[in-house]
C-alpha atoms as a PDB file:
ATOM      1  CA  MET A   1      -0.106  -0.041   0.039  1.00  0.00           C
ATOM      2  CA  THR A   2       1.283   3.377  -0.959  1.00  0.00           C
ATOM      3  CA  LYS A   3       1.937   6.253   1.363  1.00  0.00           C
ATOM      4  CA  ILE A   4      -0.908   8.197  -0.370  1.00  0.00           C
ATOM      5  CA  LYS A   5      -3.574   5.204   0.159  1.00  0.00           C
ATOM      6  CA  ILE A   6      -2.434   4.955   3.767  1.00  0.00           C
ATOM      7  CA  LEU A   7      -2.908   8.659   4.238  1.00  0.00           C
ATOM      8  CA  ILE A   8      -6.345   8.741   2.660  1.00  0.00           C
ATOM      9  CA  ASN A   9      -7.495   5.580   4.734  1.00  0.00           C
ATOM     10  CA  PHE A  10      -6.132   7.316   7.763  1.00  0.00           C
ATOM     11  CA  PHE A  11      -8.214  10.571   6.922  1.00  0.00           C
ATOM     12  CA  LEU A  12     -11.527   8.442   6.448  1.00  0.00           C
ATOM     13  CA  ILE A  13     -11.120   6.778   9.740  1.00  0.00           C
ATOM     14  CA  ILE A  14     -10.798  10.015  11.383  1.00  0.00           C
ATOM     15  CA  VAL A  15     -13.715  11.713   9.568  1.00  0.00           C
ATOM     16  CA  PHE A  16     -16.223   8.766  10.038  1.00  0.00           C
ATOM     17  CA  SER A  17     -15.173   7.986  13.558  1.00  0.00           C
ATOM     18  CA  THR A  18     -15.590  11.384  14.869  1.00  0.00           C
ATOM     19  CA  PRO A  19     -19.131  12.417  15.995  1.00  0.00           C
ATOM     20  CA  VAL A  20     -20.440  15.395  14.156  1.00  0.00           C
ATOM     21  CA  PHE A  21     -21.479  18.497  15.918  1.00  0.00           C
ATOM     22  CA  SER A  22     -25.125  18.650  14.999  1.00  0.00           C
ATOM     23  CA  ILE A  23     -26.839  20.758  17.763  1.00  0.00           C
ATOM     24  CA  GLU A  24     -29.108  23.791  16.578  1.00  0.00           C
ATOM     25  CA  PHE A  25     -31.005  26.438  18.751  1.00  0.00           C
ATOM     26  CA  LYS A  26     -34.252  28.168  17.986  1.00  0.00           C
ATOM     27  CA  GLY A  27     -34.531  31.216  20.340  1.00  0.00           C
ATOM     28  CA  LYS A  28     -31.910  33.835  21.947  1.00  0.00           C
ATOM     29  CA  PHE A  29     -29.723  33.266  25.043  1.00  0.00           C
ATOM     30  CA  ILE A  30     -31.206  36.255  26.846  1.00  0.00           C
ATOM     31  CA  GLN A  31     -32.826  36.327  30.528  1.00  0.00           C
ATOM     32  CA  GLY A  32     -36.214  35.078  30.700  1.00  0.00           C
ATOM     33  CA  HIS A  33     -36.245  33.369  26.834  1.00  0.00           C
ATOM     34  CA  TYR A  34     -37.433  30.014  26.004  1.00  0.00           C
ATOM     35  CA  LEU A  35     -35.135  28.020  23.709  1.00  0.00           C
ATOM     36  CA  LEU A  36     -36.054  25.196  21.504  1.00  0.00           C
ATOM     37  CA  GLY A  37     -32.906  22.709  20.666  1.00  0.00           C
ATOM     38  CA  LYS A  38     -32.300  20.343  17.736  1.00  0.00           C
ATOM     39  CA  THR A  39     -30.090  17.185  17.900  1.00  0.00           C
ATOM     40  CA  ASP A  40     -29.801  13.723  16.858  1.00  0.00           C
ATOM     41  CA  ASN A  41     -32.467  11.743  18.809  1.00  0.00           C
ATOM     42  CA  ASN A  42     -29.963   9.497  20.325  1.00  0.00           C
ATOM     43  CA  SER A  43     -28.028  12.359  21.649  1.00  0.00           C
ATOM     44  CA  LYS A  44     -27.424  12.966  25.471  1.00  0.00           C
ATOM     45  CA  ILE A  45     -28.252  16.259  26.430  1.00  0.00           C
ATOM     46  CA  LEU A  46     -26.912  18.047  29.662  1.00  0.00           C
ATOM     47  CA  ILE A  47     -27.649  21.561  30.629  1.00  0.00           C
ATOM     48  CA  ASP A  48     -26.126  22.839  33.874  1.00  0.00           C
ATOM     49  CA  ASN A  49     -25.618  19.357  34.711  1.00  0.00           C
ATOM     50  CA  LYS A  50     -29.253  18.338  34.357  1.00  0.00           C
ATOM     51  CA  LYS A  51     -30.357  15.646  31.777  1.00  0.00           C
ATOM     52  CA  ILE A  52     -32.607  16.981  29.399  1.00  0.00           C
ATOM     53  CA  LYS A  53     -35.063  14.693  27.583  1.00  0.00           C
ATOM     54  CA  VAL A  54     -34.898  14.528  23.801  1.00  0.00           C
ATOM     55  CA  SER A  55     -37.880  13.571  21.743  1.00  0.00           C
ATOM     56  CA  LYS A  56     -38.040  11.028  19.185  1.00  0.00           C
ATOM     57  CA  ASN A  57     -37.599  13.830  16.682  1.00  0.00           C
ATOM     58  CA  GLY A  58     -34.658  15.185  18.230  1.00  0.00           C
ATOM     59  CA  TYR A  59     -36.100  18.217  19.878  1.00  0.00           C
ATOM     60  CA  PHE A  60     -35.700  19.337  23.406  1.00  0.00           C
ATOM     61  CA  ALA A  61     -36.704  22.479  25.464  1.00  0.00           C
ATOM     62  CA  PHE A  62     -35.358  24.635  28.134  1.00  0.00           C
ATOM     63  CA  GLY A  63     -35.419  28.249  29.384  1.00  0.00           C
ATOM     64  CA  ILE A  64     -33.296  31.015  30.913  1.00  0.00           C
ATOM     65  CA  GLU A  65     -34.241  32.380  34.496  1.00  0.00           C
ATOM     66  CA  LYS A  66     -35.276  36.072  34.587  1.00  0.00           C
ATOM     67  CA  ASP A  67     -32.158  37.094  36.243  1.00  0.00           C
ATOM     68  CA  ARG A  68     -29.558  34.762  35.213  1.00  0.00           C
ATOM     69  CA  LYS A  69     -26.158  36.123  35.122  1.00  0.00           C
ATOM     70  CA  LEU A  70     -23.977  33.075  34.675  1.00  0.00           C
ATOM     71  CA  ASP A  71     -23.018  31.601  31.348  1.00  0.00           C
ATOM     72  CA  ILE A  72     -25.175  28.470  30.588  1.00  0.00           C
ATOM     73  CA  ILE A  73     -23.222  25.194  29.871  1.00  0.00           C
ATOM     74  CA  ILE A  74     -24.475  22.702  27.559  1.00  0.00           C
ATOM     75  CA  TYR A  75     -23.313  19.241  26.778  1.00  0.00           C
ATOM     76  CA  GLU A  76     -24.368  17.309  23.680  1.00  0.00           C
ATOM     77  CA  ASN A  77     -22.689  13.922  24.481  1.00  0.00           C
ATOM     78  CA  ASP A  78     -19.225  14.822  24.910  1.00  0.00           C
ATOM     79  CA  LYS A  79     -19.090  18.196  23.194  1.00  0.00           C
ATOM     80  CA  LYS A  80     -19.268  21.068  25.467  1.00  0.00           C
ATOM     81  CA  ILE A  81     -21.166  24.370  24.538  1.00  0.00           C
ATOM     82  CA  ILE A  82     -20.665  27.505  26.647  1.00  0.00           C
ATOM     83  CA  LYS A  83     -23.225  30.376  25.889  1.00  0.00           C
ATOM     84  CA  LYS A  84     -23.164  33.758  27.371  1.00  0.00           C
ATOM     85  CA  ILE A  85     -26.434  35.073  28.776  1.00  0.00           C
ATOM     86  CA  GLN A  86     -27.543  38.606  27.841  1.00  0.00           C
ATOM     87  CA  LYS A  87     -29.160  40.861  30.384  1.00  0.00           C
ATOM     88  CA  ARG A  88     -32.553  42.850  30.130  1.00  0.00           C
ATOM     89  CA  LYS A  89     -33.919  45.842  31.658  1.00  0.00           C
ATOM     90  CA  TYR A  90     -37.189  45.414  33.186  1.00  0.00           C
ATOM     91  CA  ASN A  91     -39.898  48.174  33.915  1.00  0.00           C
ATOM     92  CA  ILE A  92     -40.151  49.325  37.518  1.00  0.00           C
ATOM     93  CA  GLN A  93     -43.353  51.338  38.704  1.00  0.00           C
ATOM     94  CA  LYS A  94     -43.817  52.968  41.967  1.00  0.00           C
ATOM     95  CA  ILE A  95     -47.384  53.567  43.297  1.00  0.00           C
ATOM     96  CA  ASP A  96     -47.850  55.064  46.848  1.00  0.00           C
ATOM     97  CA  GLY A  97     -51.253  56.036  48.753  1.00  0.00           C
ATOM     98  CA  LEU A  98     -52.884  52.659  48.287  1.00  0.00           C
ATOM     99  CA  SER A  99     -55.203  50.934  51.115  1.00  0.00           C
ATOM    100  CA  PRO A 100     -53.045  48.276  52.804  1.00  0.00           C
ATOM    101  CA  LYS A 101     -55.436  45.646  51.700  1.00  0.00           C
ATOM    102  CA  LYS A 102     -54.256  46.383  48.177  1.00  0.00           C
ATOM    103  CA  VAL A 103     -50.777  46.044  48.899  1.00  0.00           C
ATOM    104  CA  THR A 104     -50.628  42.743  51.063  1.00  0.00           C
ATOM    105  CA  PRO A 105     -53.586  40.236  51.321  1.00  0.00           C
ATOM    106  CA  PRO A 106     -55.333  39.846  54.772  1.00  0.00           C
ATOM    107  CA  GLU A 107     -53.812  37.182  56.949  1.00  0.00           C
ATOM    108  CA  GLU A 108     -56.961  34.869  56.885  1.00  0.00           C
ATOM    109  CA  PHE A 109     -56.393  34.198  53.091  1.00  0.00           C
ATOM    110  CA  TYR A 110     -52.662  32.945  53.871  1.00  0.00           C
ATOM    111  CA  ALA A 111     -53.492  29.154  54.117  1.00  0.00           C
ATOM    112  CA  ARG A 112     -55.704  29.221  50.877  1.00  0.00           C
ATOM    113  CA  ILE A 113     -52.967  31.048  49.287  1.00  0.00           C
ATOM    114  CA  LYS A 114     -50.507  28.586  50.228  1.00  0.00           C
ATOM    115  CA  ARG A 115     -52.858  25.570  49.141  1.00  0.00           C
ATOM    116  CA  GLU A 116     -53.457  27.126  45.746  1.00  0.00           C
ATOM    117  CA  ASN A 117     -49.640  27.856  45.103  1.00  0.00           C
ATOM    118  CA  LEU A 118     -49.115  24.044  45.747  1.00  0.00           C
ATOM    119  CA  LEU A 119     -51.776  22.999  43.195  1.00  0.00           C
ATOM    120  CA  ILE A 120     -49.932  25.324  40.586  1.00  0.00           C
ATOM    121  CA  ALA A 121     -46.477  24.205  41.515  1.00  0.00           C
ATOM    122  CA  LYS A 122     -47.546  20.585  40.926  1.00  0.00           C
ATOM    123  CA  ALA A 123     -49.191  21.190  37.726  1.00  0.00           C
ATOM    124  CA  ARG A 124     -45.895  23.242  36.488  1.00  0.00           C
ATOM    125  CA  GLU A 125     -43.691  19.970  37.290  1.00  0.00           C
ATOM    126  CA  VAL A 126     -45.487  17.631  35.379  1.00  0.00           C
ATOM    127  CA  ASP A 127     -42.792  15.952  33.110  1.00  0.00           C
ATOM    128  CA  SER A 128     -44.415  14.094  30.271  1.00  0.00           C
ATOM    129  CA  ASP A 129     -43.465  12.720  26.833  1.00  0.00           C
ATOM    130  CA  LEU A 130     -45.816  14.760  24.774  1.00  0.00           C
ATOM    131  CA  THR A 131     -43.970  16.718  21.903  1.00  0.00           C
ATOM    132  CA  PHE A 132     -46.514  19.399  21.322  1.00  0.00           C
ATOM    133  CA  PHE A 133     -43.875  22.106  22.397  1.00  0.00           C
ATOM    134  CA  GLU A 134     -42.104  21.401  19.128  1.00  0.00           C
ATOM    135  CA  GLU A 135     -45.037  23.124  17.390  1.00  0.00           C
ATOM    136  CA  LYS A 136     -45.487  26.799  16.742  1.00  0.00           C
ATOM    137  CA  PHE A 137     -47.711  28.351  19.602  1.00  0.00           C
ATOM    138  CA  ILE A 138     -50.426  31.160  18.629  1.00  0.00           C
ATOM    139  CA  ILE A 139     -51.731  34.245  20.024  1.00  0.00           C
ATOM    140  CA  PRO A 140     -54.803  33.423  22.309  1.00  0.00           C
ATOM    141  CA  VAL A 141     -56.806  36.582  21.936  1.00  0.00           C
ATOM    142  CA  ASP A 142     -57.820  38.147  18.927  1.00  0.00           C
ATOM    143  CA  ASP A 143     -57.524  42.167  18.480  1.00  0.00           C
ATOM    144  CA  ALA A 144     -56.178  42.500  22.017  1.00  0.00           C
ATOM    145  CA  ILE A 145     -53.861  45.343  23.416  1.00  0.00           C
ATOM    146  CA  ILE A 146     -50.893  44.111  25.335  1.00  0.00           C
ATOM    147  CA  THR A 147     -50.795  46.038  28.815  1.00  0.00           C
ATOM    148  CA  GLY A 148     -48.446  43.980  30.802  1.00  0.00           C
ATOM    149  CA  VAL A 149     -45.090  42.385  30.096  1.00  0.00           C
ATOM    150  CA  TYR A 150     -42.685  39.930  31.589  1.00  0.00           C
ATOM    151  CA  GLY A 151     -40.408  41.214  34.208  1.00  0.00           C
ATOM    152  CA  SER A 152     -42.103  44.445  35.175  1.00  0.00           C
ATOM    153  CA  GLN A 153     -42.316  45.053  38.879  1.00  0.00           C
ATOM    154  CA  ARG A 154     -44.422  47.522  40.966  1.00  0.00           C
ATOM    155  CA  ILE A 155     -43.279  49.035  44.196  1.00  0.00           C
ATOM    156  CA  LEU A 156     -46.631  49.644  46.204  1.00  0.00           C
ATOM    157  CA  ASN A 157     -46.441  52.148  49.137  1.00  0.00           C
ATOM    158  CA  GLY A 158     -42.668  51.491  49.248  1.00  0.00           C
ATOM    159  CA  ILE A 159     -42.908  47.627  49.229  1.00  0.00           C
ATOM    160  CA  PRO A 160     -41.356  45.813  46.098  1.00  0.00           C
ATOM    161  CA  LYS A 161     -44.030  43.291  44.823  1.00  0.00           C
ATOM    162  CA  TRP A 162     -43.389  40.111  43.089  1.00  0.00           C
ATOM    163  CA  PRO A 163     -42.292  40.484  39.418  1.00  0.00           C
ATOM    164  CA  HIS A 164     -44.848  40.122  36.694  1.00  0.00           C
ATOM    165  CA  TYR A 165     -44.121  36.992  34.855  1.00  0.00           C
ATOM    166  CA  GLY A 166     -46.595  36.776  32.440  1.00  0.00           C
ATOM    167  CA  LEU A 167     -48.228  38.846  29.319  1.00  0.00           C
ATOM    168  CA  ASP A 168     -51.329  40.669  29.673  1.00  0.00           C
ATOM    169  CA  PHE A 169     -53.937  41.076  26.819  1.00  0.00           C
ATOM    170  CA  ALA A 170     -56.436  43.707  27.642  1.00  0.00           C
ATOM    171  CA  GLN A 171     -59.956  42.813  25.856  1.00  0.00           C
ATOM    172  CA  LYS A 172     -63.536  42.905  26.859  1.00  0.00           C
ATOM    173  CA  LYS A 173     -65.108  40.361  29.188  1.00  0.00           C
ATOM    174  CA  GLY A 174     -66.531  37.568  27.466  1.00  0.00           C
ATOM    175  CA  THR A 175     -64.050  37.460  24.647  1.00  0.00           C
ATOM    176  CA  PRO A 176     -63.200  34.051  23.540  1.00  0.00           C
ATOM    177  CA  VAL A 177     -59.709  32.833  24.637  1.00  0.00           C
ATOM    178  CA  LYS A 178     -57.999  30.153  22.255  1.00  0.00           C
ATOM    179  CA  ALA A 179     -55.527  27.385  23.176  1.00  0.00           C
ATOM    180  CA  MET A 180     -52.137  28.477  22.106  1.00  0.00           C
ATOM    181  CA  ASN A 181     -50.971  24.905  21.269  1.00  0.00           C
ATOM    182  CA  ASN A 182     -52.099  21.413  21.560  1.00  0.00           C
ATOM    183  CA  GLY A 183     -51.785  20.193  25.126  1.00  0.00           C
ATOM    184  CA  ILE A 184     -53.516  18.304  28.039  1.00  0.00           C
ATOM    185  CA  VAL A 185     -55.365  20.273  30.927  1.00  0.00           C
ATOM    186  CA  THR A 186     -53.296  19.782  34.172  1.00  0.00           C
ATOM    187  CA  LEU A 187     -55.326  22.229  36.034  1.00  0.00           C
ATOM    188  CA  ALA A 188     -58.784  23.796  35.619  1.00  0.00           C
ATOM    189  CA  GLU A 189     -59.875  25.961  38.781  1.00  0.00           C
ATOM    190  CA  LYS A 190     -62.632  28.496  38.698  1.00  0.00           C
ATOM    191  CA  ASP A 191     -61.801  30.710  41.805  1.00  0.00           C
ATOM    192  CA  LEU A 192     -58.062  30.955  42.875  1.00  0.00           C
ATOM    193  CA  PHE A 193     -57.250  33.861  45.188  1.00  0.00           C
ATOM    194  CA  TYR A 194     -54.724  35.615  43.007  1.00  0.00           C
ATOM    195  CA  THR A 195     -55.384  34.366  39.240  1.00  0.00           C
ATOM    196  CA  GLY A 196     -59.154  33.537  39.585  1.00  0.00           C
ATOM    197  CA  ALA A 197     -60.394  31.070  37.027  1.00  0.00           C
ATOM    198  CA  THR A 198     -57.049  29.518  35.931  1.00  0.00           C
ATOM    199  CA  ILE A 199     -56.171  26.788  33.342  1.00  0.00           C
ATOM    200  CA  ILE A 200     -52.759  25.169  32.985  1.00  0.00           C
ATOM    201  CA  PHE A 201     -51.614  23.106  30.025  1.00  0.00           C
ATOM    202  CA  ASP A 202     -48.988  20.639  29.537  1.00  0.00           C
ATOM    203  CA  HIS A 203     -47.174  20.591  26.397  1.00  0.00           C
ATOM    204  CA  GLY A 204     -44.465  17.787  27.144  1.00  0.00           C
ATOM    205  CA  HIS A 205     -40.889  17.629  28.331  1.00  0.00           C
ATOM    206  CA  GLY A 206     -41.778  20.380  31.084  1.00  0.00           C
ATOM    207  CA  ILE A 207     -43.095  23.162  29.034  1.00  0.00           C
ATOM    208  CA  SER A 208     -46.559  24.310  30.468  1.00  0.00           C
ATOM    209  CA  THR A 209     -48.737  27.320  29.686  1.00  0.00           C
ATOM    210  CA  LEU A 210     -51.185  29.403  32.159  1.00  0.00           C
ATOM    211  CA  TYR A 211     -54.197  31.359  31.524  1.00  0.00           C
ATOM    212  CA  MET A 212     -55.448  33.583  34.315  1.00  0.00           C
ATOM    213  CA  HIS A 213     -58.267  35.890  35.265  1.00  0.00           C
ATOM    214  CA  LEU A 214     -60.783  34.179  33.151  1.00  0.00           C
ATOM    215  CA  GLU A 215     -64.509  34.790  33.246  1.00  0.00           C
ATOM    216  CA  LYS A 216     -65.517  31.194  31.959  1.00  0.00           C
ATOM    217  CA  ILE A 217     -63.688  27.953  31.705  1.00  0.00           C
ATOM    218  CA  PHE A 218     -64.746  25.450  29.078  1.00  0.00           C
ATOM    219  CA  VAL A 219     -62.198  22.455  29.784  1.00  0.00           C
ATOM    220  CA  ASN A 220     -61.546  19.987  32.402  1.00  0.00           C
ATOM    221  CA  VAL A 221     -58.626  18.350  33.772  1.00  0.00           C
ATOM    222  CA  GLY A 222     -57.405  15.499  31.438  1.00  0.00           C
ATOM    223  CA  ASP A 223     -58.926  17.020  28.466  1.00  0.00           C
ATOM    224  CA  HIS A 224     -56.745  16.673  25.264  1.00  0.00           C
ATOM    225  CA  ILE A 225     -57.109  20.182  23.545  1.00  0.00           C
ATOM    226  CA  LYS A 226     -56.177  21.329  19.995  1.00  0.00           C
ATOM    227  CA  LYS A 227     -54.402  24.422  19.184  1.00  0.00           C
ATOM    228  CA  GLY A 228     -56.966  27.099  18.290  1.00  0.00           C
ATOM    229  CA  ASP A 229     -59.830  25.548  20.365  1.00  0.00           C
ATOM    230  CA  ILE A 230     -61.843  27.797  22.473  1.00  0.00           C
ATOM    231  CA  VAL A 231     -60.882  27.048  26.260  1.00  0.00           C
ATOM    232  CA  GLY A 232     -62.401  29.805  27.969  1.00  0.00           C
ATOM    233  CA  THR A 233     -63.498  33.564  28.103  1.00  0.00           C
ATOM    234  CA  VAL A 234     -61.555  36.750  29.139  1.00  0.00           C
ATOM    235  CA  GLY A 235     -62.647  38.100  32.725  1.00  0.00           C
ATOM    236  CA  ALA A 236     -61.480  40.067  35.578  1.00  0.00           C
ATOM    237  CA  SER A 237     -61.428  37.196  38.247  1.00  0.00           C
ATOM    238  CA  GLY A 238     -58.889  36.856  41.036  1.00  0.00           C
ATOM    239  CA  ARG A 239     -56.868  40.049  41.790  1.00  0.00           C
ATOM    240  CA  ALA A 240     -57.302  41.628  38.623  1.00  0.00           C
ATOM    241  CA  THR A 241     -58.138  45.258  38.084  1.00  0.00           C
ATOM    242  CA  GLY A 242     -60.179  44.922  34.901  1.00  0.00           C
ATOM    243  CA  PRO A 243     -60.885  42.376  32.092  1.00  0.00           C
ATOM    244  CA  HIS A 244     -57.748  40.945  30.731  1.00  0.00           C
ATOM    245  CA  LEU A 245     -56.148  37.591  30.021  1.00  0.00           C
ATOM    246  CA  ASP A 246     -52.659  36.936  31.540  1.00  0.00           C
ATOM    247  CA  ILE A 247     -50.546  34.088  30.157  1.00  0.00           C
ATOM    248  CA  ARG A 248     -47.672  32.400  31.411  1.00  0.00           C
ATOM    249  CA  LEU A 249     -44.873  30.201  30.161  1.00  0.00           C
ATOM    250  CA  ASN A 250     -43.022  27.762  32.220  1.00  0.00           C
ATOM    251  CA  TRP A 251     -40.117  25.155  32.040  1.00  0.00           C
ATOM    252  CA  PHE A 252     -41.053  23.095  35.092  1.00  0.00           C
ATOM    253  CA  GLY A 253     -40.311  25.671  37.867  1.00  0.00           C
ATOM    254  CA  THR A 254     -38.691  28.247  35.757  1.00  0.00           C
ATOM    255  CA  ARG A 255     -40.904  31.325  34.603  1.00  0.00           C
ATOM    256  CA  LEU A 256     -40.109  32.233  31.156  1.00  0.00           C
ATOM    257  CA  ASP A 257     -41.462  35.187  29.049  1.00  0.00           C
ATOM    258  CA  PRO A 258     -44.329  34.082  26.973  1.00  0.00           C
ATOM    259  CA  ALA A 259     -43.603  36.669  24.276  1.00  0.00           C
ATOM    260  CA  THR A 260     -40.653  34.535  23.391  1.00  0.00           C
ATOM    261  CA  ILE A 261     -42.910  31.600  22.317  1.00  0.00           C
ATOM    262  CA  LEU A 262     -45.309  34.001  20.103  1.00  0.00           C
ATOM    263  CA  LYS A 263     -42.353  36.087  18.711  1.00  0.00           C
ATOM    264  CA  ILE A 264     -44.144  39.037  19.715  1.00  0.00           C
ATOM    265  CA  GLN A 265     -40.590  40.615  20.922  1.00  0.00           C
END
């Protein structure tokens, strides 16, 4: 065998025995953003040392916390990827002179609030094999005005309140609300203290969406819902100041910006 043939064979062995780096990302590595990854369906994915489920089509989903500052470390098999996280600026609003009841709920509601928070947390932790998260999400309310955005925060009577983790669509009471994607209902409650009539949908792999302050709910836990189905109507239930739909997006316990799945921003 000539030296040229030996070199060619050596080159072919190297090329075909070396794993090809194939990972792709849809989305931006920005605080609060949702990302969709694509790889070989046999690949092993780790994000911050956490094993991430990969669908049969090679898709996986994850998100970045609202205030994350550290780089995110991703492994595709033995390939290490380091992504820097871009920071965001969030809106801060100060309001003074409010009644104390508008700032802090009465103590007699604490047990109820805790119980309801546990219900929501349980629904957000569902880790099903559904793959609806791979599909495009749609805006849930027609002709609505966005009046509240992710990350905004109010300081009431000098007390910083919980940041707003949703996207608010203002529309008149009774306006139909559509499912943003295919999913299974994991929570359908008509009267939660903060969020009023509330629905949570599981879209698979820890991705869930929440619909809050509804007037009516047309679904039940366990229902399989198709994208575009009417699941309820706009209301002002719970601690709402007027008719609107507040939607949320979660990757398990991580609260993400819903605008990033709707491509509004």
